Amino acid sequence: MKVVKGLYYTEDHEWLKVDGDEAYIGLSDYAQDALGDIVYVDLPEEDDEFDKEEGFAAVESVKAAADVYMPVGGTITAINEDLFDNPELLNEDPYENWIVKIDIADKDELDELMTSEEYEKFLDEEV
């Protein structure tokens, strides 16, 4: 499984890339592989606010459906509209194809996420 250095990760297999006070959120390589071929993504609206660990999107594949949870609380500032017509982009490159961009509400919540090294250890124990 590919794990990108410099990102934060959750136990639910979301990744978060911090850019100042904003962050991009997506599914990890592990998550997209476990789901299989993704056929639909249900996205939130811009300006929607979510708390940490709150479900903000849903992903459906040929195998299953799964909710996507906020790694940190924040307000949606952009959605990846390419996913409406091409949800399979999450399978092709899960780290290049983010789901949403948020304005982070509390940067202290980042301390509760895993680093790439910690996530690799977590995956070793999971698999």
N, C-alpha and C. Protein backbone atom coordinates (compact mmCIF):
# COMPACT_ATOMS: atom_id res chain seq x y z
N MET A 1 0.83 -1.18 0.00
CA MET A 1 0.00 0.00 0.00
C MET A 1 0.89 1.25 0.00
N LYS A 2 0.48 2.19 -0.80
CA LYS A 2 1.22 3.45 -0.88
C LYS A 2 0.79 4.37 0.27
N VAL A 3 1.77 4.91 0.97
CA VAL A 3 1.54 5.91 2.02
C VAL A 3 2.42 7.10 1.68
N VAL A 4 1.81 8.26 1.54
CA VAL A 4 2.54 9.47 1.17
C VAL A 4 3.07 10.17 2.42
N LYS A 5 4.36 10.47 2.39
CA LYS A 5 5.00 11.18 3.50
C LYS A 5 4.46 12.61 3.59
N GLY A 6 4.44 13.15 4.80
CA GLY A 6 4.04 14.54 4.99
C GLY A 6 2.55 14.77 5.13
N LEU A 7 1.75 13.70 5.04
CA LEU A 7 0.31 13.82 5.22
C LEU A 7 -0.06 13.31 6.61
N TYR A 8 -1.25 13.68 7.05
CA TYR A 8 -1.83 13.12 8.28
C TYR A 8 -2.83 12.05 7.87
N TYR A 9 -3.04 11.07 8.76
CA TYR A 9 -3.95 9.96 8.47
C TYR A 9 -4.85 9.67 9.67
N THR A 10 -6.01 9.06 9.37
CA THR A 10 -6.94 8.64 10.42
C THR A 10 -7.03 7.12 10.45
N GLU A 11 -7.59 6.59 11.52
CA GLU A 11 -7.81 5.15 11.62
C GLU A 11 -8.89 4.69 10.65
N ASP A 12 -9.69 5.63 10.13
CA ASP A 12 -10.72 5.30 9.14
C ASP A 12 -10.18 5.40 7.71
N HIS A 13 -8.86 5.65 7.59
CA HIS A 13 -8.15 5.66 6.30
C HIS A 13 -8.44 6.87 5.42
N GLU A 14 -8.67 8.02 6.06
CA GLU A 14 -8.67 9.29 5.34
C GLU A 14 -7.29 9.90 5.47
N TRP A 15 -6.90 10.70 4.50
CA TRP A 15 -5.66 11.48 4.60
C TRP A 15 -6.00 12.96 4.60
N LEU A 16 -5.08 13.75 5.14
CA LEU A 16 -5.26 15.19 5.22
C LEU A 16 -3.92 15.85 4.91
N LYS A 17 -3.95 16.79 3.97
CA LYS A 17 -2.77 17.55 3.59
C LYS A 17 -2.99 19.00 3.99
N VAL A 18 -2.18 19.50 4.92
CA VAL A 18 -2.33 20.85 5.43
C VAL A 18 -1.63 21.84 4.50
N ASP A 19 -2.34 22.94 4.22
CA ASP A 19 -1.80 24.04 3.42
C ASP A 19 -2.19 25.34 4.12
N GLY A 20 -1.34 25.79 5.06
CA GLY A 20 -1.66 26.97 5.87
C GLY A 20 -2.79 26.66 6.82
N ASP A 21 -3.89 27.43 6.74
CA ASP A 21 -5.06 27.20 7.59
C ASP A 21 -6.09 26.31 6.89
N GLU A 22 -5.74 25.84 5.71
CA GLU A 22 -6.65 24.98 4.94
C GLU A 22 -6.06 23.59 4.83
N ALA A 23 -6.89 22.64 4.41
CA ALA A 23 -6.42 21.27 4.23
C ALA A 23 -7.24 20.58 3.15
N TYR A 24 -6.57 19.69 2.44
CA TYR A 24 -7.23 18.80 1.48
C TYR A 24 -7.45 17.48 2.18
N ILE A 25 -8.59 16.83 1.88
CA ILE A 25 -8.94 15.56 2.50
C ILE A 25 -9.28 14.56 1.40
N GLY A 26 -8.79 13.33 1.57
CA GLY A 26 -9.09 12.28 0.60
C GLY A 26 -9.04 10.91 1.24
N LEU A 27 -9.18 9.88 0.41
CA LEU A 27 -9.12 8.49 0.86
C LEU A 27 -7.71 7.96 0.66
N SER A 28 -7.26 7.15 1.59
CA SER A 28 -5.94 6.55 1.45
C SER A 28 -5.96 5.45 0.40
N ASP A 29 -4.78 5.05 -0.01
CA ASP A 29 -4.63 3.96 -0.96
C ASP A 29 -5.26 2.67 -0.40
N TYR A 30 -5.07 2.45 0.90
CA TYR A 30 -5.66 1.28 1.55
C TYR A 30 -7.18 1.28 1.42
N ALA A 31 -7.78 2.46 1.67
CA ALA A 31 -9.25 2.56 1.62
C ALA A 31 -9.78 2.31 0.22
N GLN A 32 -9.18 2.92 -0.80
CA GLN A 32 -9.69 2.74 -2.15
C GLN A 32 -9.50 1.30 -2.60
N ASP A 33 -8.41 0.66 -2.18
CA ASP A 33 -8.16 -0.74 -2.54
C ASP A 33 -9.19 -1.65 -1.87
N ALA A 34 -9.49 -1.39 -0.61
CA ALA A 34 -10.47 -2.20 0.11
C ALA A 34 -11.87 -2.05 -0.49
N LEU A 35 -12.20 -0.86 -0.95
CA LEU A 35 -13.52 -0.62 -1.53
C LEU A 35 -13.67 -1.26 -2.91
N GLY A 36 -12.61 -1.31 -3.67
CA GLY A 36 -12.70 -1.80 -5.04
C GLY A 36 -13.07 -0.66 -5.97
N ASP A 37 -13.64 -0.99 -7.12
CA ASP A 37 -13.95 0.01 -8.14
C ASP A 37 -15.03 0.98 -7.65
N ILE A 38 -14.64 2.24 -7.47
CA ILE A 38 -15.55 3.27 -6.98
C ILE A 38 -16.42 3.77 -8.13
N VAL A 39 -17.74 3.77 -7.91
CA VAL A 39 -18.69 4.13 -8.98
C VAL A 39 -19.50 5.39 -8.67
N TYR A 40 -19.44 5.87 -7.42
CA TYR A 40 -20.23 7.05 -7.07
C TYR A 40 -19.66 7.70 -5.82
N VAL A 41 -19.66 9.04 -5.80
CA VAL A 41 -19.24 9.79 -4.62
C VAL A 41 -20.31 10.84 -4.32
N ASP A 42 -20.82 10.83 -3.09
CA ASP A 42 -21.79 11.82 -2.63
C ASP A 42 -21.02 12.88 -1.86
N LEU A 43 -21.01 14.11 -2.39
CA LEU A 43 -20.21 15.17 -1.83
C LEU A 43 -21.05 16.20 -1.09
N PRO A 44 -20.45 16.88 -0.10
CA PRO A 44 -21.17 17.94 0.61
C PRO A 44 -21.20 19.21 -0.24
N GLU A 45 -21.79 20.26 0.30
CA GLU A 45 -21.84 21.56 -0.37
C GLU A 45 -20.72 22.46 0.18
N GLU A 46 -20.27 23.39 -0.63
CA GLU A 46 -19.34 24.39 -0.12
C GLU A 46 -20.02 25.17 1.00
N ASP A 47 -19.26 25.59 1.97
CA ASP A 47 -19.70 26.32 3.16
C ASP A 47 -20.37 25.43 4.21
N ASP A 48 -20.53 24.13 3.94
CA ASP A 48 -21.03 23.22 4.97
C ASP A 48 -19.97 23.11 6.06
N GLU A 49 -20.41 23.04 7.32
CA GLU A 49 -19.49 22.91 8.44
C GLU A 49 -19.63 21.52 9.05
N PHE A 50 -18.50 20.93 9.42
CA PHE A 50 -18.49 19.59 10.00
C PHE A 50 -17.55 19.56 11.20
N ASP A 51 -17.94 18.76 12.19
CA ASP A 51 -17.09 18.52 13.34
C ASP A 51 -16.14 17.37 13.03
N LYS A 52 -15.07 17.30 13.81
CA LYS A 52 -14.13 16.19 13.69
C LYS A 52 -14.89 14.87 13.84
N GLU A 53 -14.56 13.90 12.99
CA GLU A 53 -15.13 12.54 12.97
C GLU A 53 -16.57 12.48 12.48
N GLU A 54 -17.10 13.59 12.00
CA GLU A 54 -18.45 13.60 11.43
C GLU A 54 -18.37 13.17 9.97
N GLY A 55 -19.34 12.36 9.54
CA GLY A 55 -19.38 11.95 8.15
C GLY A 55 -19.70 13.12 7.24
N PHE A 56 -18.92 13.30 6.18
CA PHE A 56 -19.16 14.44 5.28
C PHE A 56 -19.38 14.01 3.83
N ALA A 57 -19.08 12.77 3.51
CA ALA A 57 -19.26 12.27 2.15
C ALA A 57 -19.50 10.77 2.21
N ALA A 58 -19.97 10.23 1.09
CA ALA A 58 -20.16 8.78 0.98
C ALA A 58 -19.57 8.33 -0.34
N VAL A 59 -18.95 7.15 -0.31
CA VAL A 59 -18.34 6.58 -1.49
C VAL A 59 -18.96 5.21 -1.72
N GLU A 60 -19.40 4.97 -2.95
CA GLU A 60 -19.97 3.67 -3.29
C GLU A 60 -19.10 2.99 -4.32
N SER A 61 -18.91 1.70 -4.11
CA SER A 61 -18.13 0.90 -5.05
C SER A 61 -18.95 -0.30 -5.47
N VAL A 62 -18.38 -1.11 -6.34
CA VAL A 62 -19.09 -2.32 -6.76
C VAL A 62 -19.21 -3.30 -5.60
N LYS A 63 -18.36 -3.16 -4.57
CA LYS A 63 -18.37 -4.06 -3.42
C LYS A 63 -19.16 -3.54 -2.23
N ALA A 64 -19.09 -2.23 -1.99
CA ALA A 64 -19.63 -1.70 -0.74
C ALA A 64 -19.86 -0.19 -0.82
N ALA A 65 -20.46 0.33 0.22
CA ALA A 65 -20.60 1.78 0.39
C ALA A 65 -19.94 2.13 1.71
N ALA A 66 -19.32 3.31 1.76
CA ALA A 66 -18.64 3.72 2.98
C ALA A 66 -18.77 5.22 3.17
N ASP A 67 -18.92 5.61 4.43
CA ASP A 67 -18.91 7.03 4.76
C ASP A 67 -17.46 7.50 4.85
N VAL A 68 -17.26 8.78 4.58
CA VAL A 68 -15.95 9.41 4.73
C VAL A 68 -16.09 10.42 5.86
N TYR A 69 -15.15 10.37 6.81
CA TYR A 69 -15.25 11.17 8.03
C TYR A 69 -14.21 12.29 8.06
N MET A 70 -14.58 13.39 8.69
CA MET A 70 -13.68 14.53 8.82
C MET A 70 -12.54 14.21 9.79
N PRO A 71 -11.30 14.35 9.33
CA PRO A 71 -10.17 14.14 10.24
C PRO A 71 -10.07 15.23 11.30
N VAL A 72 -10.47 16.45 10.92
CA VAL A 72 -10.54 17.60 11.83
C VAL A 72 -11.79 18.40 11.48
N GLY A 73 -12.26 19.19 12.42
CA GLY A 73 -13.43 20.01 12.14
C GLY A 73 -13.09 21.16 11.19
N GLY A 74 -14.09 21.59 10.44
CA GLY A 74 -13.85 22.71 9.55
C GLY A 74 -15.02 22.99 8.62
N THR A 75 -14.80 23.98 7.76
CA THR A 75 -15.80 24.41 6.79
C THR A 75 -15.32 24.07 5.39
N ILE A 76 -16.19 23.47 4.60
CA ILE A 76 -15.85 23.10 3.22
C ILE A 76 -15.65 24.38 2.40
N THR A 77 -14.47 24.51 1.78
CA THR A 77 -14.20 25.67 0.93
C THR A 77 -14.20 25.29 -0.55
N ALA A 78 -14.03 23.99 -0.85
CA ALA A 78 -14.06 23.52 -2.23
C ALA A 78 -14.35 22.03 -2.24
N ILE A 79 -15.01 21.58 -3.29
CA ILE A 79 -15.23 20.15 -3.51
C ILE A 79 -14.59 19.80 -4.84
N ASN A 80 -14.14 18.57 -4.95
CA ASN A 80 -13.52 18.11 -6.19
C ASN A 80 -14.65 17.68 -7.14
N GLU A 81 -15.10 18.62 -7.96
CA GLU A 81 -16.23 18.37 -8.85
C GLU A 81 -15.93 17.33 -9.92
N ASP A 82 -14.66 17.05 -10.18
CA ASP A 82 -14.30 16.00 -11.15
C ASP A 82 -14.84 14.64 -10.73
N LEU A 83 -15.06 14.47 -9.42
CA LEU A 83 -15.53 13.18 -8.91
C LEU A 83 -16.99 12.90 -9.26
N PHE A 84 -17.77 13.94 -9.59
CA PHE A 84 -19.16 13.71 -9.98
C PHE A 84 -19.23 12.82 -11.22
N ASP A 85 -18.43 13.16 -12.23
CA ASP A 85 -18.45 12.41 -13.49
C ASP A 85 -17.41 11.30 -13.55
N ASN A 86 -16.40 11.38 -12.69
CA ASN A 86 -15.30 10.40 -12.73
C ASN A 86 -14.92 9.94 -11.32
N PRO A 87 -15.82 9.24 -10.62
CA PRO A 87 -15.50 8.80 -9.26
C PRO A 87 -14.32 7.84 -9.22
N GLU A 88 -14.05 7.18 -10.34
CA GLU A 88 -12.94 6.22 -10.41
C GLU A 88 -11.57 6.89 -10.24
N LEU A 89 -11.53 8.22 -10.31
CA LEU A 89 -10.27 8.94 -10.07
C LEU A 89 -9.70 8.60 -8.68
N LEU A 90 -10.59 8.30 -7.72
CA LEU A 90 -10.13 7.93 -6.38
C LEU A 90 -9.37 6.61 -6.40
N ASN A 91 -9.70 5.73 -7.35
CA ASN A 91 -8.95 4.48 -7.50
C ASN A 91 -7.64 4.71 -8.24
N GLU A 92 -7.68 5.57 -9.24
CA GLU A 92 -6.51 5.77 -10.09
C GLU A 92 -5.35 6.41 -9.33
N ASP A 93 -5.61 7.43 -8.54
CA ASP A 93 -4.58 8.08 -7.73
C ASP A 93 -5.24 8.74 -6.53
N PRO A 94 -5.39 7.98 -5.43
CA PRO A 94 -6.14 8.49 -4.28
C PRO A 94 -5.49 9.69 -3.60
N TYR A 95 -4.19 9.88 -3.80
CA TYR A 95 -3.53 11.01 -3.14
C TYR A 95 -3.53 12.26 -4.00
N GLU A 96 -3.67 12.11 -5.29
CA GLU A 96 -3.74 13.26 -6.18
C GLU A 96 -5.18 13.78 -6.27
N ASN A 97 -6.14 12.89 -6.10
CA ASN A 97 -7.56 13.23 -6.26
C ASN A 97 -8.23 13.37 -4.90
N TRP A 98 -8.12 14.56 -4.35
CA TRP A 98 -8.73 14.88 -3.07
C TRP A 98 -10.25 14.92 -3.21
N ILE A 99 -10.94 14.89 -2.08
CA ILE A 99 -12.41 14.93 -2.08
C ILE A 99 -12.91 16.34 -1.78
N VAL A 100 -12.42 16.92 -0.68
CA VAL A 100 -12.80 18.29 -0.31
C VAL A 100 -11.59 19.06 0.18
N LYS A 101 -11.74 20.38 0.16
CA LYS A 101 -10.78 21.29 0.78
C LYS A 101 -11.54 22.01 1.88
N ILE A 102 -10.91 22.14 3.04
CA ILE A 102 -11.58 22.77 4.18
C ILE A 102 -10.74 23.90 4.77
N ASP A 103 -11.43 24.77 5.48
CA ASP A 103 -10.80 25.75 6.35
C ASP A 103 -10.81 25.10 7.73
N ILE A 104 -9.63 24.84 8.28
CA ILE A 104 -9.52 24.11 9.55
C ILE A 104 -10.02 24.98 10.71
N ALA A 105 -10.92 24.41 11.51
CA ALA A 105 -11.49 25.15 12.64
C ALA A 105 -10.52 25.23 13.82
N ASP A 106 -9.81 24.13 14.10
CA ASP A 106 -8.92 24.07 15.27
C ASP A 106 -7.69 23.24 14.90
N LYS A 107 -6.57 23.91 14.65
CA LYS A 107 -5.36 23.20 14.22
C LYS A 107 -4.82 22.27 15.31
N ASP A 108 -5.22 22.46 16.56
CA ASP A 108 -4.79 21.56 17.63
C ASP A 108 -5.28 20.14 17.39
N GLU A 109 -6.38 19.98 16.64
CA GLU A 109 -6.91 18.64 16.35
C GLU A 109 -5.95 17.83 15.47
N LEU A 110 -5.05 18.50 14.77
CA LEU A 110 -4.06 17.79 13.95
C LEU A 110 -3.18 16.88 14.81
N ASP A 111 -2.96 17.28 16.05
CA ASP A 111 -2.11 16.50 16.95
C ASP A 111 -2.68 15.12 17.24
N GLU A 112 -3.98 14.93 17.01
CA GLU A 112 -4.63 13.66 17.29
C GLU A 112 -4.58 12.70 16.10
N LEU A 113 -4.04 13.16 14.97
CA LEU A 113 -3.96 12.33 13.76
C LEU A 113 -2.61 11.62 13.70
N MET A 114 -2.53 10.60 12.84
CA MET A 114 -1.29 9.85 12.67
C MET A 114 -0.41 10.49 11.60
N THR A 115 0.91 10.42 11.82
CA THR A 115 1.85 10.80 10.77
C THR A 115 1.92 9.65 9.77
N SER A 116 2.60 9.86 8.67
CA SER A 116 2.73 8.78 7.69
C SER A 116 3.42 7.56 8.29
N GLU A 117 4.43 7.80 9.12
CA GLU A 117 5.15 6.68 9.76
C GLU A 117 4.22 5.91 10.71
N GLU A 118 3.46 6.65 11.49
CA GLU A 118 2.52 6.00 12.41
C GLU A 118 1.44 5.24 11.64
N TYR A 119 1.00 5.81 10.52
CA TYR A 119 -0.03 5.14 9.71
C TYR A 119 0.51 3.85 9.09
N GLU A 120 1.77 3.86 8.66
CA GLU A 120 2.36 2.64 8.11
C GLU A 120 2.38 1.53 9.17
N LYS A 121 2.74 1.88 10.40
CA LYS A 121 2.73 0.89 11.50
C LYS A 121 1.30 0.41 11.75
N PHE A 122 0.34 1.34 11.73
CA PHE A 122 -1.07 1.00 11.92
C PHE A 122 -1.52 0.00 10.86
N LEU A 123 -1.14 0.25 9.60
CA LEU A 123 -1.51 -0.67 8.52
C LEU A 123 -0.87 -2.04 8.70
N ASP A 124 0.37 -2.07 9.14
CA ASP A 124 1.05 -3.36 9.38
C ASP A 124 0.30 -4.20 10.41
N GLU A 125 -0.27 -3.53 11.41
CA GLU A 125 -1.02 -4.23 12.45
C GLU A 125 -2.42 -4.62 11.97
N GLU A 126 -3.00 -3.81 11.06
CA GLU A 126 -4.35 -4.06 10.54
C GLU A 126 -4.39 -5.23 9.57
N VAL A 127 -3.38 -5.32 8.73
CA VAL A 127 -3.39 -6.28 7.61
C VAL A 127 -2.85 -7.61 8.01
